[in-house]
Amino acid sequence: MGDADAITTEGKEAAEPLTSAFDELVIITGFSGAGKSTAMNVFEDAGYFCVDNLPPEMIRGLIELFLHEGAKVERAAVVSDVRGGEYFEALRRVLGMLGRQGIRHRVLFLDAEEQTLVNRYKETRRRHPLAPSGSVVQGIARERELLDPVRPYADAIIDTTELKAATLRRKIAAEFLPRQTSTPLAVTFSSFGFKHGPPRDADLTFDVRFLPNPHWEPDLKPLTGFDSRVVDYVGREGTLEEFYGLLIPLLDFLLPQYEAEGKAHLSIAIGCTGGRHRSVAITEHLGARYGGREDLRVEVTHRDVEKGTAQ
């Protein structure tokens, strides 16, 4: 296709004014099994022109079509990943070229823990594209070598390890899709247990293990933070109310600040040891406290509440 750094339309360099309607390209990449198909569906539903499994070198040709005078495509999303084989290694060069040519683009990188990727392959009984006759673990290791140089180019990195498809769709939409000024800030309050590992995608994390622990009370241990008896126990010394007296003013200050900076989605995680008692009670309280506000779209999740008792 000639000079790898030149995108032209009607013989003119792309740096000159263009009369096409094309406005943005989203490039979706990341690990096989991390949710790229789900991501593609988000953009397709939003009216983007979508292409799956596009080798990086072909991105230039696609852009040339979009920049052609009279082209009607305004926004496009492409998935470019290791299925492109040896051609995938050109992605860094293509991304650099897009930047130099002043073409508006964003990169979405989807990641997940290795065991999660392995489990997903087992569930679908599919072979890894880089290990068609070997183990999935070997394929993931080779994939990581190819993807690591691309990661720094990402505008957003989303870890899908703990995300259901519906949650991933909402997160991508909040981060990437055009947002009207009237759209409320999406806030997710989530409880978790440090015993099971901290959340990997939280914007703010609060550790509430300083509060009285119902785990040590035989009558309360089997219960969860949904039960009023647990809530009463956690708040019996007055420390919980004192904590709310500090936390809520802090959140009242931070939420509009994040929104003013263009943040579309904010994830706030509350952690105790096992994720069943204290963190659940506080997450429920915060969800109720902020759920009635018209300027927010609040979601409450409990990652570890069903994982058994823990200190």
C-alpha atoms as a PDB file:
ATOM      1  CA  MET A   1       0.000   0.000   0.000  1.00  0.00           C
ATOM      2  CA  GLY A   2       3.028   2.276  -0.304  1.00  0.00           C
ATOM      3  CA  ASP A   3       4.393   4.466   2.459  1.00  0.00           C
ATOM      4  CA  ALA A   4       3.226   3.022   5.787  1.00  0.00           C
ATOM      5  CA  ASP A   5       3.015   6.497   7.302  1.00  0.00           C
ATOM      6  CA  ALA A   6       0.781   8.063   4.677  1.00  0.00           C
ATOM      7  CA  ILE A   7      -2.996   7.981   4.565  1.00  0.00           C
ATOM      8  CA  THR A   8      -4.351   9.877   1.610  1.00  0.00           C
ATOM      9  CA  THR A   9      -7.695  10.640   0.074  1.00  0.00           C
ATOM     10  CA  GLU A  10      -8.029  11.748  -3.558  1.00  0.00           C
ATOM     11  CA  GLY A  11      -4.229  12.083  -3.636  1.00  0.00           C
ATOM     12  CA  LYS A  12      -4.108  14.574  -0.739  1.00  0.00           C
ATOM     13  CA  GLU A  13      -2.447  13.894   2.604  1.00  0.00           C
ATOM     14  CA  ALA A  14      -4.814  13.344   5.513  1.00  0.00           C
ATOM     15  CA  ALA A  15      -3.305  16.293   7.353  1.00  0.00           C
ATOM     16  CA  GLU A  16      -5.195  18.587   4.958  1.00  0.00           C
ATOM     17  CA  PRO A  17      -8.866  19.463   5.631  1.00  0.00           C
ATOM     18  CA  LEU A  18     -11.159  16.553   4.874  1.00  0.00           C
ATOM     19  CA  THR A  19     -14.749  16.694   3.735  1.00  0.00           C
ATOM     20  CA  SER A  20     -15.751  13.219   4.910  1.00  0.00           C
ATOM     21  CA  ALA A  21     -18.032  12.665   7.902  1.00  0.00           C
ATOM     22  CA  PHE A  22     -15.583  10.318   9.622  1.00  0.00           C
ATOM     23  CA  ASP A  23     -14.892  11.347  13.226  1.00  0.00           C
ATOM     24  CA  GLU A  24     -13.434   8.492  15.297  1.00  0.00           C
ATOM     25  CA  LEU A  25     -11.893   5.021  15.178  1.00  0.00           C
ATOM     26  CA  VAL A  26     -11.939   2.697  18.188  1.00  0.00           C
ATOM     27  CA  ILE A  27      -9.428  -0.162  18.135  1.00  0.00           C
ATOM     28  CA  ILE A  28     -10.294  -3.079  20.406  1.00  0.00           C
ATOM     29  CA  THR A  29      -7.493  -5.436  21.347  1.00  0.00           C
ATOM     30  CA  GLY A  30      -6.378  -7.596  24.255  1.00  0.00           C
ATOM     31  CA  PHE A  31      -6.402 -11.215  25.328  1.00  0.00           C
ATOM     32  CA  SER A  32      -8.391 -13.921  23.612  1.00  0.00           C
ATOM     33  CA  GLY A  33     -11.303 -14.748  25.889  1.00  0.00           C
ATOM     34  CA  ALA A  34     -11.244 -11.357  27.646  1.00  0.00           C
ATOM     35  CA  GLY A  35     -14.499 -10.118  26.109  1.00  0.00           C
ATOM     36  CA  LYS A  36     -13.658  -8.526  22.768  1.00  0.00           C
ATOM     37  CA  SER A  37     -16.825  -9.880  21.147  1.00  0.00           C
ATOM     38  CA  THR A  38     -18.898  -8.312  23.911  1.00  0.00           C
ATOM     39  CA  ALA A  39     -17.069  -5.037  23.386  1.00  0.00           C
ATOM     40  CA  MET A  40     -17.713  -5.149  19.656  1.00  0.00           C
ATOM     41  CA  ASN A  41     -21.433  -5.627  20.305  1.00  0.00           C
ATOM     42  CA  VAL A  42     -21.496  -2.461  22.427  1.00  0.00           C
ATOM     43  CA  PHE A  43     -20.168  -0.345  19.574  1.00  0.00           C
ATOM     44  CA  GLU A  44     -22.288  -2.078  16.954  1.00  0.00           C
ATOM     45  CA  ASP A  45     -25.430  -1.396  18.998  1.00  0.00           C
ATOM     46  CA  ALA A  46     -24.366   2.257  19.225  1.00  0.00           C
ATOM     47  CA  GLY A  47     -24.261   2.569  15.446  1.00  0.00           C
ATOM     48  CA  TYR A  48     -20.525   2.206  14.869  1.00  0.00           C
ATOM     49  CA  PHE A  49     -19.294   0.571  11.651  1.00  0.00           C
ATOM     50  CA  CYS A  50     -17.659  -2.588  13.058  1.00  0.00           C
ATOM     51  CA  VAL A  51     -15.067  -5.008  11.696  1.00  0.00           C
ATOM     52  CA  ASP A  52     -13.843  -8.060  13.600  1.00  0.00           C
ATOM     53  CA  ASN A  53     -10.412  -9.690  13.275  1.00  0.00           C
ATOM     54  CA  LEU A  54      -8.866  -6.976  11.129  1.00  0.00           C
ATOM     55  CA  PRO A  55      -5.075  -7.246  10.653  1.00  0.00           C
ATOM     56  CA  PRO A  56      -3.384  -3.953  11.599  1.00  0.00           C
ATOM     57  CA  GLU A  57      -2.034  -3.336   8.099  1.00  0.00           C
ATOM     58  CA  MET A  58      -5.598  -3.283   6.780  1.00  0.00           C
ATOM     59  CA  ILE A  59      -6.617  -0.517   9.178  1.00  0.00           C
ATOM     60  CA  ARG A  60      -4.944   1.999   6.858  1.00  0.00           C
ATOM     61  CA  GLY A  61      -7.007   0.853   3.914  1.00  0.00           C
ATOM     62  CA  LEU A  62     -10.195   1.064   5.956  1.00  0.00           C
ATOM     63  CA  ILE A  63      -9.343   4.604   7.058  1.00  0.00           C
ATOM     64  CA  GLU A  64      -8.742   5.623   3.456  1.00  0.00           C
ATOM     65  CA  LEU A  65     -12.255   4.514   2.589  1.00  0.00           C
ATOM     66  CA  PHE A  66     -13.733   6.425   5.532  1.00  0.00           C
ATOM     67  CA  LEU A  67     -11.815   9.598   4.668  1.00  0.00           C
ATOM     68  CA  HIS A  68     -12.951   9.556   1.057  1.00  0.00           C
ATOM     69  CA  GLU A  69     -15.076  12.542   0.177  1.00  0.00           C
ATOM     70  CA  GLY A  70     -18.724  11.606   0.457  1.00  0.00           C
ATOM     71  CA  ALA A  71     -18.147   8.643   2.790  1.00  0.00           C
ATOM     72  CA  LYS A  72     -20.998   8.378   5.289  1.00  0.00           C
ATOM     73  CA  VAL A  73     -19.260   6.444   8.078  1.00  0.00           C
ATOM     74  CA  GLU A  74     -18.837   8.711  11.106  1.00  0.00           C
ATOM     75  CA  ARG A  75     -17.547   6.268  13.702  1.00  0.00           C
ATOM     76  CA  ALA A  76     -15.946   2.842  13.417  1.00  0.00           C
ATOM     77  CA  ALA A  77     -14.688   0.126  15.751  1.00  0.00           C
ATOM     78  CA  VAL A  78     -12.336  -2.692  14.794  1.00  0.00           C
ATOM     79  CA  VAL A  79     -11.031  -5.702  16.676  1.00  0.00           C
ATOM     80  CA  SER A  80      -7.363  -6.345  15.966  1.00  0.00           C
ATOM     81  CA  ASP A  81      -5.720  -9.123  17.927  1.00  0.00           C
ATOM     82  CA  VAL A  82      -3.374 -12.085  17.726  1.00  0.00           C
ATOM     83  CA  ARG A  83      -5.673 -13.937  15.349  1.00  0.00           C
ATOM     84  CA  GLY A  84      -3.935 -11.807  12.720  1.00  0.00           C
ATOM     85  CA  GLY A  85      -0.824 -13.898  13.265  1.00  0.00           C
ATOM     86  CA  GLU A  86       2.469 -12.306  12.296  1.00  0.00           C
ATOM     87  CA  TYR A  87       0.615  -9.251  10.994  1.00  0.00           C
ATOM     88  CA  PHE A  88      -0.438  -8.318  14.536  1.00  0.00           C
ATOM     89  CA  GLU A  89       3.083  -7.152  15.359  1.00  0.00           C
ATOM     90  CA  ALA A  90       2.469  -4.170  13.041  1.00  0.00           C
ATOM     91  CA  LEU A  91      -0.214  -2.744  15.361  1.00  0.00           C
ATOM     92  CA  ARG A  92       2.192  -0.487  17.262  1.00  0.00           C
ATOM     93  CA  ARG A  93       3.432   1.015  14.018  1.00  0.00           C
ATOM     94  CA  VAL A  94      -0.106   1.581  12.781  1.00  0.00           C
ATOM     95  CA  LEU A  95      -1.132   3.243  16.053  1.00  0.00           C
ATOM     96  CA  GLY A  96       1.847   5.564  15.807  1.00  0.00           C
ATOM     97  CA  MET A  97       0.947   6.380  12.233  1.00  0.00           C
ATOM     98  CA  LEU A  98      -2.648   7.254  13.189  1.00  0.00           C
ATOM     99  CA  GLY A  99      -1.335   9.666  15.787  1.00  0.00           C
ATOM    100  CA  ARG A 100       1.073  11.346  13.388  1.00  0.00           C
ATOM    101  CA  GLN A 101      -1.649  11.730  10.770  1.00  0.00           C
ATOM    102  CA  GLY A 102      -3.956  13.378  13.297  1.00  0.00           C
ATOM    103  CA  ILE A 103      -6.674  10.753  12.950  1.00  0.00           C
ATOM    104  CA  ARG A 104      -8.858  10.651  16.062  1.00  0.00           C
ATOM    105  CA  HIS A 105      -8.650   7.184  17.552  1.00  0.00           C
ATOM    106  CA  ARG A 106      -8.866   5.428  20.891  1.00  0.00           C
ATOM    107  CA  VAL A 107      -7.586   2.022  21.977  1.00  0.00           C
ATOM    108  CA  LEU A 108      -9.532  -0.304  24.278  1.00  0.00           C
ATOM    109  CA  PHE A 109      -7.401  -3.072  25.810  1.00  0.00           C
ATOM    110  CA  LEU A 110      -9.203  -5.995  27.485  1.00  0.00           C
ATOM    111  CA  ASP A 111      -7.344  -8.038  30.077  1.00  0.00           C
ATOM    112  CA  ALA A 112      -8.148 -10.869  32.509  1.00  0.00           C
ATOM    113  CA  GLU A 113      -6.332 -13.123  34.927  1.00  0.00           C
ATOM    114  CA  GLU A 114      -4.739 -16.188  33.358  1.00  0.00           C
ATOM    115  CA  GLN A 115      -6.889 -18.711  35.245  1.00  0.00           C
ATOM    116  CA  THR A 116     -10.042 -16.871  34.210  1.00  0.00           C
ATOM    117  CA  LEU A 117      -8.977 -17.042  30.557  1.00  0.00           C
ATOM    118  CA  VAL A 118      -8.201 -20.743  30.916  1.00  0.00           C
ATOM    119  CA  ASN A 119     -11.595 -21.397  32.499  1.00  0.00           C
ATOM    120  CA  ARG A 120     -13.384 -19.531  29.721  1.00  0.00           C
ATOM    121  CA  TYR A 121     -11.631 -21.625  27.101  1.00  0.00           C
ATOM    122  CA  LYS A 122     -12.606 -24.777  28.954  1.00  0.00           C
ATOM    123  CA  GLU A 123     -16.231 -23.658  29.050  1.00  0.00           C
ATOM    124  CA  THR A 124     -16.344 -22.944  25.306  1.00  0.00           C
ATOM    125  CA  ARG A 125     -14.069 -25.888  24.362  1.00  0.00           C
ATOM    126  CA  ARG A 126     -12.272 -23.681  21.886  1.00  0.00           C
ATOM    127  CA  ARG A 127      -8.588 -23.783  21.030  1.00  0.00           C
ATOM    128  CA  HIS A 128      -6.330 -20.835  21.667  1.00  0.00           C
ATOM    129  CA  PRO A 129      -5.327 -19.143  18.371  1.00  0.00           C
ATOM    130  CA  LEU A 130      -1.636 -19.239  19.327  1.00  0.00           C
ATOM    131  CA  ALA A 131      -1.706 -22.841  20.559  1.00  0.00           C
ATOM    132  CA  PRO A 132      -4.046 -24.791  18.240  1.00  0.00           C
ATOM    133  CA  SER A 133      -2.355 -28.084  19.144  1.00  0.00           C
ATOM    134  CA  GLY A 134      -0.903 -27.138  22.536  1.00  0.00           C
ATOM    135  CA  SER A 135      -2.125 -26.011  25.930  1.00  0.00           C
ATOM    136  CA  VAL A 136      -4.165 -22.872  26.495  1.00  0.00           C
ATOM    137  CA  VAL A 137      -1.589 -21.740  29.081  1.00  0.00           C
ATOM    138  CA  GLN A 138       1.137 -21.836  26.434  1.00  0.00           C
ATOM    139  CA  GLY A 139      -1.042 -19.837  24.079  1.00  0.00           C
ATOM    140  CA  ILE A 140      -1.727 -17.191  26.738  1.00  0.00           C
ATOM    141  CA  ALA A 141       1.991 -16.894  27.501  1.00  0.00           C
ATOM    142  CA  ARG A 142       2.806 -16.300  23.836  1.00  0.00           C
ATOM    143  CA  GLU A 143      -0.107 -13.878  23.558  1.00  0.00           C
ATOM    144  CA  ARG A 144       1.195 -11.886  26.522  1.00  0.00           C
ATOM    145  CA  GLU A 145       4.539 -11.419  24.760  1.00  0.00           C
ATOM    146  CA  LEU A 146       2.780  -9.933  21.746  1.00  0.00           C
ATOM    147  CA  LEU A 147       0.353  -7.771  23.718  1.00  0.00           C
ATOM    148  CA  ASP A 148       2.710  -6.236  26.293  1.00  0.00           C
ATOM    149  CA  PRO A 149       4.237  -3.767  23.785  1.00  0.00           C
ATOM    150  CA  VAL A 150       0.717  -2.640  22.764  1.00  0.00           C
ATOM    151  CA  ARG A 151      -0.615  -2.044  26.284  1.00  0.00           C
ATOM    152  CA  PRO A 152       1.048   1.399  26.719  1.00  0.00           C
ATOM    153  CA  TYR A 153      -0.936   2.674  23.717  1.00  0.00           C
ATOM    154  CA  ALA A 154      -4.283   1.903  25.380  1.00  0.00           C
ATOM    155  CA  ASP A 155      -6.603   4.740  26.331  1.00  0.00           C
ATOM    156  CA  ALA A 156      -8.505   2.357  28.626  1.00  0.00           C
ATOM    157  CA  ILE A 157      -7.531  -1.013  30.099  1.00  0.00           C
ATOM    158  CA  ILE A 158     -10.443  -3.025  31.475  1.00  0.00           C
ATOM    159  CA  ASP A 159      -9.863  -6.142  33.543  1.00  0.00           C
ATOM    160  CA  THR A 160     -12.804  -8.463  32.893  1.00  0.00           C
ATOM    161  CA  THR A 161     -11.849 -11.128  35.451  1.00  0.00           C
ATOM    162  CA  GLU A 162     -14.732 -10.354  37.798  1.00  0.00           C
ATOM    163  CA  LEU A 163     -17.101  -8.803  35.250  1.00  0.00           C
ATOM    164  CA  LYS A 164     -20.247 -10.349  33.884  1.00  0.00           C
ATOM    165  CA  ALA A 165     -21.067  -9.569  30.255  1.00  0.00           C
ATOM    166  CA  ALA A 166     -23.781  -7.066  31.176  1.00  0.00           C
ATOM    167  CA  THR A 167     -21.476  -5.211  33.565  1.00  0.00           C
ATOM    168  CA  LEU A 168     -18.706  -5.137  30.960  1.00  0.00           C
ATOM    169  CA  ARG A 169     -21.101  -3.682  28.407  1.00  0.00           C
ATOM    170  CA  ARG A 170     -22.124  -0.908  30.811  1.00  0.00           C
ATOM    171  CA  LYS A 171     -18.528  -0.131  31.680  1.00  0.00           C
ATOM    172  CA  ILE A 172     -17.445   0.119  28.045  1.00  0.00           C
ATOM    173  CA  ALA A 173     -20.452   2.266  27.202  1.00  0.00           C
ATOM    174  CA  ALA A 174     -19.686   4.595  30.098  1.00  0.00           C
ATOM    175  CA  GLU A 175     -16.022   4.920  29.128  1.00  0.00           C
ATOM    176  CA  PHE A 176     -16.288   5.153  25.341  1.00  0.00           C
ATOM    177  CA  LEU A 177     -19.685   6.053  23.983  1.00  0.00           C
ATOM    178  CA  PRO A 178     -20.630   9.699  23.437  1.00  0.00           C
ATOM    179  CA  ARG A 179     -22.181  11.077  26.595  1.00  0.00           C
ATOM    180  CA  GLN A 180     -24.812  13.754  26.685  1.00  0.00           C
ATOM    181  CA  THR A 181     -24.465  16.441  29.314  1.00  0.00           C
ATOM    182  CA  SER A 182     -27.723  15.259  30.876  1.00  0.00           C
ATOM    183  CA  THR A 183     -26.454  11.701  31.353  1.00  0.00           C
ATOM    184  CA  PRO A 184     -25.944  11.029  35.075  1.00  0.00           C
ATOM    185  CA  LEU A 185     -22.622   9.841  36.434  1.00  0.00           C
ATOM    186  CA  ALA A 186     -22.660   6.053  36.817  1.00  0.00           C
ATOM    187  CA  VAL A 187     -21.468   4.989  40.279  1.00  0.00           C
ATOM    188  CA  THR A 188     -20.946   1.380  41.345  1.00  0.00           C
ATOM    189  CA  PHE A 189     -20.682   0.605  45.054  1.00  0.00           C
ATOM    190  CA  SER A 190     -19.262  -2.879  45.537  1.00  0.00           C
ATOM    191  CA  SER A 191     -18.355  -4.943  48.586  1.00  0.00           C
ATOM    192  CA  PHE A 192     -15.498  -7.426  48.627  1.00  0.00           C
ATOM    193  CA  GLY A 193     -13.332  -9.476  50.964  1.00  0.00           C
ATOM    194  CA  PHE A 194      -9.592  -8.876  51.151  1.00  0.00           C
ATOM    195  CA  LYS A 195      -9.265 -12.616  51.761  1.00  0.00           C
ATOM    196  CA  HIS A 196     -10.333 -13.155  48.160  1.00  0.00           C
ATOM    197  CA  GLY A 197      -8.142 -10.408  46.740  1.00  0.00           C
ATOM    198  CA  PRO A 198      -8.808  -6.709  46.167  1.00  0.00           C
ATOM    199  CA  PRO A 199     -10.826  -5.610  43.126  1.00  0.00           C
ATOM    200  CA  ARG A 200      -8.628  -4.779  40.165  1.00  0.00           C
ATOM    201  CA  ASP A 201     -10.715  -2.030  38.616  1.00  0.00           C
ATOM    202  CA  ALA A 202     -11.830   0.079  41.602  1.00  0.00           C
ATOM    203  CA  ASP A 203     -11.304   3.831  41.399  1.00  0.00           C
ATOM    204  CA  LEU A 204     -11.659   4.246  45.170  1.00  0.00           C
ATOM    205  CA  THR A 205     -11.160   1.516  47.797  1.00  0.00           C
ATOM    206  CA  PHE A 206     -12.057   1.812  51.484  1.00  0.00           C
ATOM    207  CA  ASP A 207     -10.870  -0.718  54.076  1.00  0.00           C
ATOM    208  CA  VAL A 208     -13.443  -1.149  56.881  1.00  0.00           C
ATOM    209  CA  ARG A 209     -11.714  -3.915  58.818  1.00  0.00           C
ATOM    210  CA  PHE A 210     -11.346  -1.513  61.764  1.00  0.00           C
ATOM    211  CA  LEU A 211     -15.049  -1.947  62.598  1.00  0.00           C
ATOM    212  CA  PRO A 212     -16.438  -4.591  65.018  1.00  0.00           C
ATOM    213  CA  ASN A 213     -16.432  -7.967  63.286  1.00  0.00           C
ATOM    214  CA  PRO A 214     -19.653 -10.067  63.488  1.00  0.00           C
ATOM    215  CA  HIS A 215     -17.651 -13.127  62.480  1.00  0.00           C
ATOM    216  CA  TRP A 216     -16.709 -13.680  66.125  1.00  0.00           C
ATOM    217  CA  GLU A 217     -20.336 -13.804  67.279  1.00  0.00           C
ATOM    218  CA  PRO A 218     -21.767 -17.341  66.809  1.00  0.00           C
ATOM    219  CA  ASP A 219     -25.307 -16.041  66.216  1.00  0.00           C
ATOM    220  CA  LEU A 220     -24.164 -13.488  63.624  1.00  0.00           C
ATOM    221  CA  LYS A 221     -21.454 -15.440  61.828  1.00  0.00           C
ATOM    222  CA  PRO A 222     -23.855 -17.260  59.446  1.00  0.00           C
ATOM    223  CA  LEU A 223     -25.641 -14.009  58.577  1.00  0.00           C
ATOM    224  CA  THR A 224     -24.599 -11.285  56.132  1.00  0.00           C
ATOM    225  CA  GLY A 225     -24.569  -7.504  56.067  1.00  0.00           C
ATOM    226  CA  PHE A 226     -28.119  -7.536  54.690  1.00  0.00           C
ATOM    227  CA  ASP A 227     -29.389  -8.474  58.157  1.00  0.00           C
ATOM    228  CA  SER A 228     -30.247  -5.628  60.535  1.00  0.00           C
ATOM    229  CA  ARG A 229     -28.725  -7.554  63.439  1.00  0.00           C
ATOM    230  CA  VAL A 230     -25.352  -7.459  61.706  1.00  0.00           C
ATOM    231  CA  VAL A 231     -25.737  -3.761  60.956  1.00  0.00           C
ATOM    232  CA  ASP A 232     -26.564  -3.041  64.595  1.00  0.00           C
ATOM    233  CA  TYR A 233     -23.538  -5.010  65.787  1.00  0.00           C
ATOM    234  CA  VAL A 234     -21.155  -3.237  63.402  1.00  0.00           C
ATOM    235  CA  GLY A 235     -22.450   0.127  64.590  1.00  0.00           C
ATOM    236  CA  ARG A 236     -22.689  -0.683  68.319  1.00  0.00           C
ATOM    237  CA  GLU A 237     -19.595   1.280  69.369  1.00  0.00           C
ATOM    238  CA  GLY A 238     -20.454   4.427  67.409  1.00  0.00           C
ATOM    239  CA  THR A 239     -17.435   4.110  65.127  1.00  0.00           C
ATOM    240  CA  LEU A 240     -19.586   3.326  62.103  1.00  0.00           C
ATOM    241  CA  GLU A 241     -21.562   6.572  62.404  1.00  0.00           C
ATOM    242  CA  GLU A 242     -18.324   8.464  62.889  1.00  0.00           C
ATOM    243  CA  PHE A 243     -16.986   6.803  59.728  1.00  0.00           C
ATOM    244  CA  TYR A 244     -20.085   7.829  57.763  1.00  0.00           C
ATOM    245  CA  GLY A 245     -19.633  11.344  59.085  1.00  0.00           C
ATOM    246  CA  LEU A 246     -16.256  11.464  57.336  1.00  0.00           C
ATOM    247  CA  LEU A 247     -16.919   9.284  54.292  1.00  0.00           C
ATOM    248  CA  ILE A 248     -20.160  10.820  53.031  1.00  0.00           C
ATOM    249  CA  PRO A 249     -18.859  14.421  52.972  1.00  0.00           C
ATOM    250  CA  LEU A 250     -15.790  13.110  51.170  1.00  0.00           C
ATOM    251  CA  LEU A 251     -17.923  11.384  48.518  1.00  0.00           C
ATOM    252  CA  ASP A 252     -20.170  14.433  48.260  1.00  0.00           C
ATOM    253  CA  PHE A 253     -17.059  16.406  47.395  1.00  0.00           C
ATOM    254  CA  LEU A 254     -15.439  13.841  45.076  1.00  0.00           C
ATOM    255  CA  LEU A 255     -18.399  12.811  42.900  1.00  0.00           C
ATOM    256  CA  PRO A 256     -18.923  16.204  41.225  1.00  0.00           C
ATOM    257  CA  GLN A 257     -15.152  16.615  40.881  1.00  0.00           C
ATOM    258  CA  TYR A 258     -14.848  13.352  38.955  1.00  0.00           C
ATOM    259  CA  GLU A 259     -17.846  14.276  36.832  1.00  0.00           C
ATOM    260  CA  ALA A 260     -16.355  17.678  36.043  1.00  0.00           C
ATOM    261  CA  GLU A 261     -13.219  15.922  34.805  1.00  0.00           C
ATOM    262  CA  GLY A 262     -15.306  13.932  32.343  1.00  0.00           C
ATOM    263  CA  LYS A 263     -15.481  10.698  34.321  1.00  0.00           C
ATOM    264  CA  ALA A 264     -18.468   8.674  33.114  1.00  0.00           C
ATOM    265  CA  HIS A 265     -18.241   5.764  35.559  1.00  0.00           C
ATOM    266  CA  LEU A 266     -16.843   5.616  39.082  1.00  0.00           C
ATOM    267  CA  SER A 267     -16.234   2.342  40.912  1.00  0.00           C
ATOM    268  CA  ILE A 268     -16.138   2.556  44.721  1.00  0.00           C
ATOM    269  CA  ALA A 269     -15.135  -0.616  46.571  1.00  0.00           C
ATOM    270  CA  ILE A 270     -15.694  -1.330  50.277  1.00  0.00           C
ATOM    271  CA  GLY A 271     -13.630  -4.159  51.715  1.00  0.00           C
ATOM    272  CA  CYS A 272     -13.646  -6.191  54.917  1.00  0.00           C
ATOM    273  CA  THR A 273     -11.938  -9.514  55.526  1.00  0.00           C
ATOM    274  CA  GLY A 274     -14.403 -11.971  54.034  1.00  0.00           C
ATOM    275  CA  GLY A 275     -16.767  -9.690  52.161  1.00  0.00           C
ATOM    276  CA  ARG A 276     -19.902 -10.927  53.965  1.00  0.00           C
ATOM    277  CA  HIS A 277     -20.626  -8.652  56.920  1.00  0.00           C
ATOM    278  CA  ARG A 278     -19.151  -5.177  57.358  1.00  0.00           C
ATOM    279  CA  SER A 279     -18.462  -4.346  53.713  1.00  0.00           C
ATOM    280  CA  VAL A 280     -21.909  -5.548  52.643  1.00  0.00           C
ATOM    281  CA  ALA A 281     -23.680  -3.467  55.307  1.00  0.00           C
ATOM    282  CA  ILE A 282     -21.785  -0.317  54.366  1.00  0.00           C
ATOM    283  CA  THR A 283     -22.171  -0.844  50.622  1.00  0.00           C
ATOM    284  CA  GLU A 284     -25.921  -1.250  51.052  1.00  0.00           C
ATOM    285  CA  HIS A 285     -26.057   1.926  53.136  1.00  0.00           C
ATOM    286  CA  LEU A 286     -24.148   3.928  50.526  1.00  0.00           C
ATOM    287  CA  GLY A 287     -26.291   2.516  47.725  1.00  0.00           C
ATOM    288  CA  ALA A 288     -29.426   3.643  49.543  1.00  0.00           C
ATOM    289  CA  ARG A 289     -27.873   7.006  50.427  1.00  0.00           C
ATOM    290  CA  TYR A 290     -26.952   7.899  46.838  1.00  0.00           C
ATOM    291  CA  GLY A 291     -29.460   5.799  44.904  1.00  0.00           C
ATOM    292  CA  GLY A 292     -32.205   8.420  45.017  1.00  0.00           C
ATOM    293  CA  ARG A 293     -30.187  11.210  43.426  1.00  0.00           C
ATOM    294  CA  GLU A 294     -31.223  12.220  39.909  1.00  0.00           C
ATOM    295  CA  ASP A 295     -27.669  13.215  38.964  1.00  0.00           C
ATOM    296  CA  LEU A 296     -26.336   9.693  39.616  1.00  0.00           C
ATOM    297  CA  ARG A 297     -27.004   6.233  38.226  1.00  0.00           C
ATOM    298  CA  VAL A 298     -26.174   3.909  41.112  1.00  0.00           C
ATOM    299  CA  GLU A 299     -25.457   0.188  41.017  1.00  0.00           C
ATOM    300  CA  VAL A 300     -24.707  -2.003  44.051  1.00  0.00           C
ATOM    301  CA  THR A 301     -22.809  -5.291  43.779  1.00  0.00           C
ATOM    302  CA  HIS A 302     -21.471  -7.787  46.333  1.00  0.00           C
ATOM    303  CA  ARG A 303     -18.590  -9.821  44.958  1.00  0.00           C
ATOM    304  CA  ASP A 304     -17.860 -12.203  47.820  1.00  0.00           C
ATOM    305  CA  VAL A 305     -21.007 -12.365  49.933  1.00  0.00           C
ATOM    306  CA  GLU A 306     -21.720 -15.949  48.851  1.00  0.00           C
ATOM    307  CA  LYS A 307     -18.170 -17.263  49.300  1.00  0.00           C
ATOM    308  CA  GLY A 308     -18.602 -18.566  52.819  1.00  0.00           C
ATOM    309  CA  THR A 309     -17.687 -17.212  56.223  1.00  0.00           C
ATOM    310  CA  ALA A 310     -14.347 -15.560  56.907  1.00  0.00           C
ATOM    311  CA  GLN A 311     -12.845 -13.334  59.549  1.00  0.00           C
END
